[in-house]
mmCIF file of all heavy atoms, coordinates in Angstrom:
data_MODEL
# 
_entry.id   MODEL 
# 
loop_
_atom_site.group_PDB 
_atom_site.id 
_atom_site.type_symbol 
_atom_site.label_atom_id 
_atom_site.label_alt_id 
_atom_site.label_comp_id 
_atom_site.label_asym_id 
_atom_site.label_entity_id 
_atom_site.label_seq_id 
_atom_site.pdbx_PDB_ins_code 
_atom_site.Cartn_x 
_atom_site.Cartn_y 
_atom_site.Cartn_z 
_atom_site.occupancy 
_atom_site.B_iso_or_equiv 
_atom_site.pdbx_formal_charge 
_atom_site.auth_seq_id 
_atom_site.auth_comp_id 
_atom_site.auth_asym_id 
_atom_site.auth_atom_id 
_atom_site.pdbx_PDB_model_num 
ATOM 1   N N   . ALA A 1 1  ? 6.598  -6.040  11.782 1.00 0.00 ? 1  ALA A N   1 
ATOM 2   C CA  . ALA A 1 1  ? 7.226  -5.820  13.085 1.00 0.00 ? 1  ALA A CA  1 
ATOM 3   C C   . ALA A 1 1  ? 7.081  -4.355  13.455 1.00 0.00 ? 1  ALA A C   1 
ATOM 4   O O   . ALA A 1 1  ? 7.316  -3.467  12.629 1.00 0.00 ? 1  ALA A O   1 
ATOM 5   C CB  . ALA A 1 1  ? 8.708  -6.199  13.044 1.00 0.00 ? 1  ALA A CB  1 
ATOM 6   N N   . ASP A 1 2  ? 6.670  -4.088  14.695 1.00 0.00 ? 2  ASP A N   1 
ATOM 7   C CA  . ASP A 1 2  ? 6.526  -2.706  15.149 1.00 0.00 ? 2  ASP A CA  1 
ATOM 8   C C   . ASP A 1 2  ? 7.885  -2.008  15.131 1.00 0.00 ? 2  ASP A C   1 
ATOM 9   O O   . ASP A 1 2  ? 8.904  -2.581  15.511 1.00 0.00 ? 2  ASP A O   1 
ATOM 10  C CB  . ASP A 1 2  ? 5.951  -2.658  16.562 1.00 0.00 ? 2  ASP A CB  1 
ATOM 11  C CG  . ASP A 1 2  ? 4.494  -3.116  16.603 1.00 0.00 ? 2  ASP A CG  1 
ATOM 12  O OD1 . ASP A 1 2  ? 3.902  -3.283  15.520 1.00 0.00 ? 2  ASP A OD1 1 
ATOM 13  O OD2 . ASP A 1 2  ? 3.971  -3.307  17.721 1.00 0.00 ? 2  ASP A OD2 1 
ATOM 14  N N   . GLN A 1 3  ? 7.881  -0.744  14.697 1.00 0.00 ? 3  GLN A N   1 
ATOM 15  C CA  . GLN A 1 3  ? 9.110  0.028   14.596 1.00 0.00 ? 3  GLN A CA  1 
ATOM 16  C C   . GLN A 1 3  ? 9.114  1.248   15.507 1.00 0.00 ? 3  GLN A C   1 
ATOM 17  O O   . GLN A 1 3  ? 10.039 1.463   16.278 1.00 0.00 ? 3  GLN A O   1 
ATOM 18  C CB  . GLN A 1 3  ? 9.328  0.466   13.144 1.00 0.00 ? 3  GLN A CB  1 
ATOM 19  C CG  . GLN A 1 3  ? 10.631 1.209   12.894 1.00 0.00 ? 3  GLN A CG  1 
ATOM 20  C CD  . GLN A 1 3  ? 10.757 1.652   11.447 1.00 0.00 ? 3  GLN A CD  1 
ATOM 21  O OE1 . GLN A 1 3  ? 9.766  1.956   10.782 1.00 0.00 ? 3  GLN A OE1 1 
ATOM 22  N NE2 . GLN A 1 3  ? 11.984 1.657   10.939 1.00 0.00 ? 3  GLN A NE2 1 
ATOM 23  N N   . ARG A 1 4  ? 8.048  2.067   15.421 1.00 0.00 ? 4  ARG A N   1 
ATOM 24  C CA  . ARG A 1 4  ? 8.032  3.322   16.165 1.00 0.00 ? 4  ARG A CA  1 
ATOM 25  C C   . ARG A 1 4  ? 6.583  3.753   16.384 1.00 0.00 ? 4  ARG A C   1 
ATOM 26  O O   . ARG A 1 4  ? 5.759  3.705   15.477 1.00 0.00 ? 4  ARG A O   1 
ATOM 27  C CB  . ARG A 1 4  ? 8.774  4.410   15.387 1.00 0.00 ? 4  ARG A CB  1 
ATOM 28  C CG  . ARG A 1 4  ? 8.883  5.758   16.100 1.00 0.00 ? 4  ARG A CG  1 
ATOM 29  C CD  . ARG A 1 4  ? 9.545  6.789   15.197 1.00 0.00 ? 4  ARG A CD  1 
ATOM 30  N NE  . ARG A 1 4  ? 10.842 6.337   14.707 1.00 0.00 ? 4  ARG A NE  1 
ATOM 31  C CZ  . ARG A 1 4  ? 11.072 5.924   13.475 1.00 0.00 ? 4  ARG A CZ  1 
ATOM 32  N NH1 . ARG A 1 4  ? 10.107 5.916   12.578 1.00 0.00 ? 4  ARG A NH1 1 
ATOM 33  N NH2 . ARG A 1 4  ? 12.284 5.539   13.116 1.00 0.00 ? 4  ARG A NH2 1 
ATOM 34  N N   . SER A 1 5  ? 6.283  4.200   17.620 1.00 0.00 ? 5  SER A N   1 
ATOM 35  C CA  . SER A 1 5  ? 4.948  4.690   17.933 1.00 0.00 ? 5  SER A CA  1 
ATOM 36  C C   . SER A 1 5  ? 4.924  6.206   17.823 1.00 0.00 ? 5  SER A C   1 
ATOM 37  O O   . SER A 1 5  ? 5.805  6.895   18.353 1.00 0.00 ? 5  SER A O   1 
ATOM 38  C CB  . SER A 1 5  ? 4.543  4.251   19.342 1.00 0.00 ? 5  SER A CB  1 
ATOM 39  O OG  . SER A 1 5  ? 3.248  4.704   19.646 1.00 0.00 ? 5  SER A OG  1 
ATOM 40  N N   . ASN A 1 6  ? 3.923  6.734   17.117 1.00 0.00 ? 6  ASN A N   1 
ATOM 41  C CA  . ASN A 1 6  ? 3.735  8.171   16.960 1.00 0.00 ? 6  ASN A CA  1 
ATOM 42  C C   . ASN A 1 6  ? 2.493  8.600   17.732 1.00 0.00 ? 6  ASN A C   1 
ATOM 43  O O   . ASN A 1 6  ? 1.840  7.784   18.387 1.00 0.00 ? 6  ASN A O   1 
ATOM 44  C CB  . ASN A 1 6  ? 3.610  8.532   15.481 1.00 0.00 ? 6  ASN A CB  1 
ATOM 45  C CG  . ASN A 1 6  ? 4.727  7.931   14.650 1.00 0.00 ? 6  ASN A CG  1 
ATOM 46  O OD1 . ASN A 1 6  ? 5.903  8.164   14.905 1.00 0.00 ? 6  ASN A OD1 1 
ATOM 47  N ND2 . ASN A 1 6  ? 4.368  7.112   13.655 1.00 0.00 ? 6  ASN A ND2 1 
ATOM 48  N N   . ILE A 1 7  ? 2.152  9.858   17.668 1.00 0.00 ? 7  ILE A N   1 
ATOM 49  C CA  . ILE A 1 7  ? 1.001  10.361  18.422 1.00 0.00 ? 7  ILE A CA  1 
ATOM 50  C C   . ILE A 1 7  ? -0.291 9.658   18.019 1.00 0.00 ? 7  ILE A C   1 
ATOM 51  O O   . ILE A 1 7  ? -1.055 9.209   18.864 1.00 0.00 ? 7  ILE A O   1 
ATOM 52  C CB  . ILE A 1 7  ? 0.858  11.889  18.230 1.00 0.00 ? 7  ILE A CB  1 
ATOM 53  C CG1 . ILE A 1 7  ? 2.076  12.623  18.829 1.00 0.00 ? 7  ILE A CG1 1 
ATOM 54  C CG2 . ILE A 1 7  ? -0.431 12.392  18.877 1.00 0.00 ? 7  ILE A CG2 1 
ATOM 55  C CD1 . ILE A 1 7  ? 2.069  14.117  18.575 1.00 0.00 ? 7  ILE A CD1 1 
ATOM 56  N N   . ASP A 1 8  ? -0.543 9.569   16.722 1.00 0.00 ? 8  ASP A N   1 
ATOM 57  C CA  . ASP A 1 8  ? -1.795 8.979   16.258 1.00 0.00 ? 8  ASP A CA  1 
ATOM 58  C C   . ASP A 1 8  ? -1.582 7.844   15.270 1.00 0.00 ? 8  ASP A C   1 
ATOM 59  O O   . ASP A 1 8  ? -2.510 7.434   14.573 1.00 0.00 ? 8  ASP A O   1 
ATOM 60  C CB  . ASP A 1 8  ? -2.685 10.052  15.634 1.00 0.00 ? 8  ASP A CB  1 
ATOM 61  C CG  . ASP A 1 8  ? -1.981 10.783  14.495 1.00 0.00 ? 8  ASP A CG  1 
ATOM 62  O OD1 . ASP A 1 8  ? -0.815 10.459  14.204 1.00 0.00 ? 8  ASP A OD1 1 
ATOM 63  O OD2 . ASP A 1 8  ? -2.607 11.687  13.912 1.00 0.00 ? 8  ASP A OD2 1 
ATOM 64  N N   . SER A 1 9  ? -0.354 7.323   15.199 1.00 0.00 ? 9  SER A N   1 
ATOM 65  C CA  . SER A 1 9  ? -0.072 6.264   14.239 1.00 0.00 ? 9  SER A CA  1 
ATOM 66  C C   . SER A 1 9  ? 1.067  5.384   14.733 1.00 0.00 ? 9  SER A C   1 
ATOM 67  O O   . SER A 1 9  ? 1.720  5.684   15.743 1.00 0.00 ? 9  SER A O   1 
ATOM 68  C CB  . SER A 1 9  ? 0.284  6.858   12.867 1.00 0.00 ? 9  SER A CB  1 
ATOM 69  O OG  . SER A 1 9  ? 1.465  7.630   12.955 1.00 0.00 ? 9  SER A OG  1 
ATOM 70  N N   . LEU A 1 10 ? 1.308  4.320   14.002 1.00 0.00 ? 10 LEU A N   1 
ATOM 71  C CA  . LEU A 1 10 ? 2.370  3.379   14.339 1.00 0.00 ? 10 LEU A CA  1 
ATOM 72  C C   . LEU A 1 10 ? 3.161  3.064   13.078 1.00 0.00 ? 10 LEU A C   1 
ATOM 73  O O   . LEU A 1 10 ? 2.578  2.752   12.032 1.00 0.00 ? 10 LEU A O   1 
ATOM 74  C CB  . LEU A 1 10 ? 1.769  2.096   14.913 1.00 0.00 ? 10 LEU A CB  1 
ATOM 75  C CG  . LEU A 1 10 ? 2.736  0.949   15.228 1.00 0.00 ? 10 LEU A CG  1 
ATOM 76  C CD1 . LEU A 1 10 ? 3.673  1.335   16.364 1.00 0.00 ? 10 LEU A CD1 1 
ATOM 77  C CD2 . LEU A 1 10 ? 1.953  -0.323  15.590 1.00 0.00 ? 10 LEU A CD2 1 
ATOM 78  N N   . ASP A 1 11 ? 4.488  3.172   13.147 1.00 0.00 ? 11 ASP A N   1 
ATOM 79  C CA  . ASP A 1 11 ? 5.345  2.765   12.046 1.00 0.00 ? 11 ASP A CA  1 
ATOM 80  C C   . ASP A 1 11 ? 5.716  1.303   12.211 1.00 0.00 ? 11 ASP A C   1 
ATOM 81  O O   . ASP A 1 11 ? 6.069  0.859   13.317 1.00 0.00 ? 11 ASP A O   1 
ATOM 82  C CB  . ASP A 1 11 ? 6.622  3.613   12.005 1.00 0.00 ? 11 ASP A CB  1 
ATOM 83  C CG  . ASP A 1 11 ? 6.355  5.047   11.594 1.00 0.00 ? 11 ASP A CG  1 
ATOM 84  O OD1 . ASP A 1 11 ? 5.200  5.358   11.228 1.00 0.00 ? 11 ASP A OD1 1 
ATOM 85  O OD2 . ASP A 1 11 ? 7.289  5.865   11.640 1.00 0.00 ? 11 ASP A OD2 1 
ATOM 86  N N   . LYS A 1 12 ? 5.630  0.564   11.108 1.00 0.00 ? 12 LYS A N   1 
ATOM 87  C CA  . LYS A 1 12 ? 5.964  -0.863  11.126 1.00 0.00 ? 12 LYS A CA  1 
ATOM 88  C C   . LYS A 1 12 ? 6.950  -1.177  10.006 1.00 0.00 ? 12 LYS A C   1 
ATOM 89  O O   . LYS A 1 12 ? 7.053  -0.440  9.025  1.00 0.00 ? 12 LYS A O   1 
ATOM 90  C CB  . LYS A 1 12 ? 4.698  -1.709  10.927 1.00 0.00 ? 12 LYS A CB  1 
ATOM 91  C CG  . LYS A 1 12 ? 3.674  -1.601  12.030 1.00 0.00 ? 12 LYS A CG  1 
ATOM 92  C CD  . LYS A 1 12 ? 2.517  -2.561  11.760 1.00 0.00 ? 12 LYS A CD  1 
ATOM 93  C CE  . LYS A 1 12 ? 1.499  -2.553  12.881 1.00 0.00 ? 12 LYS A CE  1 
ATOM 94  N NZ  . LYS A 1 12 ? 0.426  -3.568  12.653 1.00 0.00 ? 12 LYS A NZ  1 
ATOM 95  N N   . ILE A 1 13 ? 7.664  -2.291  10.177 1.00 0.00 ? 13 ILE A N   1 
ATOM 96  C CA  . ILE A 1 13 ? 8.475  -2.833  9.097  1.00 0.00 ? 13 ILE A CA  1 
ATOM 97  C C   . ILE A 1 13 ? 7.649  -3.894  8.392  1.00 0.00 ? 13 ILE A C   1 
ATOM 98  O O   . ILE A 1 13 ? 7.177  -4.849  9.020  1.00 0.00 ? 13 ILE A O   1 
ATOM 99  C CB  . ILE A 1 13 ? 9.783  -3.448  9.619  1.00 0.00 ? 13 ILE A CB  1 
ATOM 100 C CG1 . ILE A 1 13 ? 10.648 -2.379  10.293 1.00 0.00 ? 13 ILE A CG1 1 
ATOM 101 C CG2 . ILE A 1 13 ? 10.551 -4.103  8.473  1.00 0.00 ? 13 ILE A CG2 1 
ATOM 102 C CD1 . ILE A 1 13 ? 11.148 -1.309  9.351  1.00 0.00 ? 13 ILE A CD1 1 
ATOM 103 N N   . GLU A 1 14 ? 7.451  -3.709  7.102  1.00 0.00 ? 14 GLU A N   1 
ATOM 104 C CA  . GLU A 1 14 ? 6.710  -4.668  6.281  1.00 0.00 ? 14 GLU A CA  1 
ATOM 105 C C   . GLU A 1 14 ? 7.698  -5.451  5.429  1.00 0.00 ? 14 GLU A C   1 
ATOM 106 O O   . GLU A 1 14 ? 8.552  -4.874  4.757  1.00 0.00 ? 14 GLU A O   1 
ATOM 107 C CB  . GLU A 1 14 ? 5.722  -3.914  5.388  1.00 0.00 ? 14 GLU A CB  1 
ATOM 108 C CG  . GLU A 1 14 ? 4.923  -4.799  4.448  1.00 0.00 ? 14 GLU A CG  1 
ATOM 109 C CD  . GLU A 1 14 ? 3.938  -3.985  3.621  1.00 0.00 ? 14 GLU A CD  1 
ATOM 110 O OE1 . GLU A 1 14 ? 4.372  -3.393  2.604  1.00 0.00 ? 14 GLU A OE1 1 
ATOM 111 O OE2 . GLU A 1 14 ? 2.761  -3.907  4.020  1.00 0.00 ? 14 GLU A OE2 1 
ATOM 112 N N   . ASN A 1 15 ? 7.598  -6.768  5.471  1.00 0.00 ? 15 ASN A N   1 
ATOM 113 C CA  . ASN A 1 15 ? 8.456  -7.631  4.657  1.00 0.00 ? 15 ASN A CA  1 
ATOM 114 C C   . ASN A 1 15 ? 7.686  -7.983  3.393  1.00 0.00 ? 15 ASN A C   1 
ATOM 115 O O   . ASN A 1 15 ? 6.885  -8.918  3.377  1.00 0.00 ? 15 ASN A O   1 
ATOM 116 C CB  . ASN A 1 15 ? 8.842  -8.887  5.433  1.00 0.00 ? 15 ASN A CB  1 
ATOM 117 C CG  . ASN A 1 15 ? 9.908  -9.705  4.715  1.00 0.00 ? 15 ASN A CG  1 
ATOM 118 O OD1 . ASN A 1 15 ? 10.109 -9.561  3.516  1.00 0.00 ? 15 ASN A OD1 1 
ATOM 119 N ND2 . ASN A 1 15 ? 10.592 -10.560 5.448  1.00 0.00 ? 15 ASN A ND2 1 
ATOM 120 N N   . LEU A 1 16 ? 7.943  -7.213  2.345  1.00 0.00 ? 16 LEU A N   1 
ATOM 121 C CA  . LEU A 1 16 ? 7.223  -7.359  1.079  1.00 0.00 ? 16 LEU A CA  1 
ATOM 122 C C   . LEU A 1 16 ? 8.023  -8.274  0.150  1.00 0.00 ? 16 LEU A C   1 
ATOM 123 O O   . LEU A 1 16 ? 8.872  -7.823  -0.619 1.00 0.00 ? 16 LEU A O   1 
ATOM 124 C CB  . LEU A 1 16 ? 6.999  -5.982  0.449  1.00 0.00 ? 16 LEU A CB  1 
ATOM 125 C CG  . LEU A 1 16 ? 6.164  -5.899  -0.828 1.00 0.00 ? 16 LEU A CG  1 
ATOM 126 C CD1 . LEU A 1 16 ? 4.778  -6.510  -0.610 1.00 0.00 ? 16 LEU A CD1 1 
ATOM 127 C CD2 . LEU A 1 16 ? 6.046  -4.458  -1.291 1.00 0.00 ? 16 LEU A CD2 1 
ATOM 128 N N   . ASN A 1 17 ? 7.776  -9.572  0.291  1.00 0.00 ? 17 ASN A N   1 
ATOM 129 C CA  . ASN A 1 17 ? 8.484  -10.574 -0.521 1.00 0.00 ? 17 ASN A CA  1 
ATOM 130 C C   . ASN A 1 17 ? 9.997  -10.402 -0.455 1.00 0.00 ? 17 ASN A C   1 
ATOM 131 O O   . ASN A 1 17 ? 10.698 -10.456 -1.469 1.00 0.00 ? 17 ASN A O   1 
ATOM 132 C CB  . ASN A 1 17 ? 8.006  -10.518 -1.982 1.00 0.00 ? 17 ASN A CB  1 
ATOM 133 C CG  . ASN A 1 17 ? 6.564  -10.952 -2.133 1.00 0.00 ? 17 ASN A CG  1 
ATOM 134 O OD1 . ASN A 1 17 ? 5.994  -11.571 -1.243 1.00 0.00 ? 17 ASN A OD1 1 
ATOM 135 N ND2 . ASN A 1 17 ? 5.968  -10.629 -3.264 1.00 0.00 ? 17 ASN A ND2 1 
ATOM 136 N N   . GLY A 1 18 ? 10.510 -10.176 0.756  1.00 0.00 ? 18 GLY A N   1 
ATOM 137 C CA  . GLY A 1 18 ? 11.945 -10.044 0.956  1.00 0.00 ? 18 GLY A CA  1 
ATOM 138 C C   . GLY A 1 18 ? 12.439 -8.617  1.028  1.00 0.00 ? 18 GLY A C   1 
ATOM 139 O O   . GLY A 1 18 ? 13.563 -8.384  1.490  1.00 0.00 ? 18 GLY A O   1 
ATOM 140 N N   . LEU A 1 19 ? 11.635 -7.661  0.583  1.00 0.00 ? 19 LEU A N   1 
ATOM 141 C CA  . LEU A 1 19 ? 12.002 -6.251  0.668  1.00 0.00 ? 19 LEU A CA  1 
ATOM 142 C C   . LEU A 1 19 ? 11.410 -5.666  1.947  1.00 0.00 ? 19 LEU A C   1 
ATOM 143 O O   . LEU A 1 19 ? 10.194 -5.498  2.061  1.00 0.00 ? 19 LEU A O   1 
ATOM 144 C CB  . LEU A 1 19 ? 11.487 -5.474  -0.543 1.00 0.00 ? 19 LEU A CB  1 
ATOM 145 C CG  . LEU A 1 19 ? 11.720 -3.955  -0.493 1.00 0.00 ? 19 LEU A CG  1 
ATOM 146 C CD1 . LEU A 1 19 ? 13.211 -3.641  -0.565 1.00 0.00 ? 19 LEU A CD1 1 
ATOM 147 C CD2 . LEU A 1 19 ? 10.980 -3.251  -1.623 1.00 0.00 ? 19 LEU A CD2 1 
ATOM 148 N N   . LYS A 1 20 ? 12.269 -5.362  2.905  1.00 0.00 ? 20 LYS A N   1 
ATOM 149 C CA  . LYS A 1 20 ? 11.809 -4.791  4.172  1.00 0.00 ? 20 LYS A CA  1 
ATOM 150 C C   . LYS A 1 20 ? 11.804 -3.269  4.069  1.00 0.00 ? 20 LYS A C   1 
ATOM 151 O O   . LYS A 1 20 ? 12.819 -2.668  3.730  1.00 0.00 ? 20 LYS A O   1 
ATOM 152 C CB  . LYS A 1 20 ? 12.699 -5.258  5.318  1.00 0.00 ? 20 LYS A CB  1 
ATOM 153 C CG  . LYS A 1 20 ? 12.628 -6.762  5.569  1.00 0.00 ? 20 LYS A CG  1 
ATOM 154 C CD  . LYS A 1 20 ? 13.500 -7.172  6.742  1.00 0.00 ? 20 LYS A CD  1 
ATOM 155 C CE  . LYS A 1 20 ? 13.399 -8.670  6.989  1.00 0.00 ? 20 LYS A CE  1 
ATOM 156 N NZ  . LYS A 1 20 ? 14.249 -9.103  8.137  1.00 0.00 ? 20 LYS A NZ  1 
ATOM 157 N N   . HIS A 1 21 ? 10.669 -2.678  4.368  1.00 0.00 ? 21 HIS A N   1 
ATOM 158 C CA  . HIS A 1 21 ? 10.547 -1.225  4.293  1.00 0.00 ? 21 HIS A CA  1 
ATOM 159 C C   . HIS A 1 21 ? 9.542  -0.766  5.339  1.00 0.00 ? 21 HIS A C   1 
ATOM 160 O O   . HIS A 1 21 ? 8.767  -1.572  5.890  1.00 0.00 ? 21 HIS A O   1 
ATOM 161 C CB  . HIS A 1 21 ? 10.103 -0.786  2.890  1.00 0.00 ? 21 HIS A CB  1 
ATOM 162 C CG  . HIS A 1 21 ? 8.713  -1.232  2.550  1.00 0.00 ? 21 HIS A CG  1 
ATOM 163 N ND1 . HIS A 1 21 ? 7.640  -0.386  2.583  1.00 0.00 ? 21 HIS A ND1 1 
ATOM 164 C CD2 . HIS A 1 21 ? 8.225  -2.446  2.196  1.00 0.00 ? 21 HIS A CD2 1 
ATOM 165 C CE1 . HIS A 1 21 ? 6.548  -1.048  2.255  1.00 0.00 ? 21 HIS A CE1 1 
ATOM 166 N NE2 . HIS A 1 21 ? 6.868  -2.301  2.015  1.00 0.00 ? 21 HIS A NE2 1 
ATOM 167 N N   . SER A 1 22 ? 9.535  0.521   5.617  1.00 0.00 ? 22 SER A N   1 
ATOM 168 C CA  . SER A 1 22 ? 8.661  1.076   6.651  1.00 0.00 ? 22 SER A CA  1 
ATOM 169 C C   . SER A 1 22 ? 7.307  1.467   6.067  1.00 0.00 ? 22 SER A C   1 
ATOM 170 O O   . SER A 1 22 ? 7.225  1.958   4.940  1.00 0.00 ? 22 SER A O   1 
ATOM 171 C CB  . SER A 1 22 ? 9.307  2.309   7.287  1.00 0.00 ? 22 SER A CB  1 
ATOM 172 O OG  . SER A 1 22 ? 10.518 1.977   7.932  1.00 0.00 ? 22 SER A OG  1 
ATOM 173 N N   . ILE A 1 23 ? 6.275  1.231   6.867  1.00 0.00 ? 23 ILE A N   1 
ATOM 174 C CA  . ILE A 1 23 ? 4.944  1.728   6.532  1.00 0.00 ? 23 ILE A CA  1 
ATOM 175 C C   . ILE A 1 23 ? 4.389  2.434   7.772  1.00 0.00 ? 23 ILE A C   1 
ATOM 176 O O   . ILE A 1 23 ? 4.938  2.305   8.872  1.00 0.00 ? 23 ILE A O   1 
ATOM 177 C CB  . ILE A 1 23 ? 3.974  0.614   6.092  1.00 0.00 ? 23 ILE A CB  1 
ATOM 178 C CG1 . ILE A 1 23 ? 3.715  -0.349  7.260  1.00 0.00 ? 23 ILE A CG1 1 
ATOM 179 C CG2 . ILE A 1 23 ? 4.506  -0.122  4.877  1.00 0.00 ? 23 ILE A CG2 1 
ATOM 180 C CD1 . ILE A 1 23 ? 2.547  -1.294  7.019  1.00 0.00 ? 23 ILE A CD1 1 
ATOM 181 N N   . ARG A 1 24 ? 3.324  3.207   7.581  1.00 0.00 ? 24 ARG A N   1 
ATOM 182 C CA  . ARG A 1 24 ? 2.681  3.894   8.695  1.00 0.00 ? 24 ARG A CA  1 
ATOM 183 C C   . ARG A 1 24 ? 1.186  3.570   8.679  1.00 0.00 ? 24 ARG A C   1 
ATOM 184 O O   . ARG A 1 24 ? 0.537  3.667   7.627  1.00 0.00 ? 24 ARG A O   1 
ATOM 185 C CB  . ARG A 1 24 ? 2.899  5.400   8.593  1.00 0.00 ? 24 ARG A CB  1 
ATOM 186 C CG  . ARG A 1 24 ? 2.256  6.217   9.714  1.00 0.00 ? 24 ARG A CG  1 
ATOM 187 C CD  . ARG A 1 24 ? 2.831  7.621   9.741  1.00 0.00 ? 24 ARG A CD  1 
ATOM 188 N NE  . ARG A 1 24 ? 4.247  7.581   10.122 1.00 0.00 ? 24 ARG A NE  1 
ATOM 189 C CZ  . ARG A 1 24 ? 5.042  8.646   10.148 1.00 0.00 ? 24 ARG A CZ  1 
ATOM 190 N NH1 . ARG A 1 24 ? 4.563  9.837   9.815  1.00 0.00 ? 24 ARG A NH1 1 
ATOM 191 N NH2 . ARG A 1 24 ? 6.308  8.524   10.500 1.00 0.00 ? 24 ARG A NH2 1 
ATOM 192 N N   . VAL A 1 25 ? 0.663  3.174   9.828  1.00 0.00 ? 25 VAL A N   1 
ATOM 193 C CA  . VAL A 1 25 ? -0.770 2.868   9.937  1.00 0.00 ? 25 VAL A CA  1 
ATOM 194 C C   . VAL A 1 25 ? -1.362 3.694   11.071 1.00 0.00 ? 25 VAL A C   1 
ATOM 195 O O   . VAL A 1 25 ? -0.705 3.954   12.078 1.00 0.00 ? 25 VAL A O   1 
ATOM 196 C CB  . VAL A 1 25 ? -1.010 1.365   10.177 1.00 0.00 ? 25 VAL A CB  1 
ATOM 197 C CG1 . VAL A 1 25 ? -0.486 0.545   9.002  1.00 0.00 ? 25 VAL A CG1 1 
ATOM 198 C CG2 . VAL A 1 25 ? -0.363 0.898   11.480 1.00 0.00 ? 25 VAL A CG2 1 
ATOM 199 N N   . ALA A 1 26 ? -2.605 4.103   10.901 1.00 0.00 ? 26 ALA A N   1 
ATOM 200 C CA  . ALA A 1 26 ? -3.278 4.909   11.913 1.00 0.00 ? 26 ALA A CA  1 
ATOM 201 C C   . ALA A 1 26 ? -3.670 4.040   13.105 1.00 0.00 ? 26 ALA A C   1 
ATOM 202 O O   . ALA A 1 26 ? -3.976 2.855   12.953 1.00 0.00 ? 26 ALA A O   1 
ATOM 203 C CB  . ALA A 1 26 ? -4.513 5.575   11.318 1.00 0.00 ? 26 ALA A CB  1 
ATOM 204 N N   . ASN A 1 27 ? -3.651 4.651   14.286 1.00 0.00 ? 27 ASN A N   1 
ATOM 205 C CA  . ASN A 1 27 ? -4.073 3.923   15.478 1.00 0.00 ? 27 ASN A CA  1 
ATOM 206 C C   . ASN A 1 27 ? -5.542 3.528   15.399 1.00 0.00 ? 27 ASN A C   1 
ATOM 207 O O   . ASN A 1 27 ? -5.950 2.485   15.912 1.00 0.00 ? 27 ASN A O   1 
ATOM 208 C CB  . ASN A 1 27 ? -3.839 4.784   16.725 1.00 0.00 ? 27 ASN A CB  1 
ATOM 209 C CG  . ASN A 1 27 ? -2.355 4.952   17.036 1.00 0.00 ? 27 ASN A CG  1 
ATOM 210 O OD1 . ASN A 1 27 ? -1.534 4.127   16.626 1.00 0.00 ? 27 ASN A OD1 1 
ATOM 211 N ND2 . ASN A 1 27 ? -2.021 6.016   17.751 1.00 0.00 ? 27 ASN A ND2 1 
# 
């Protein structure tokens, strides 16, 4: 799920087998 848009990347919530945590991916 999208969380936050940055200048050159996007933060998402990743559901890793029930553990929800933030990740960052490049645009």
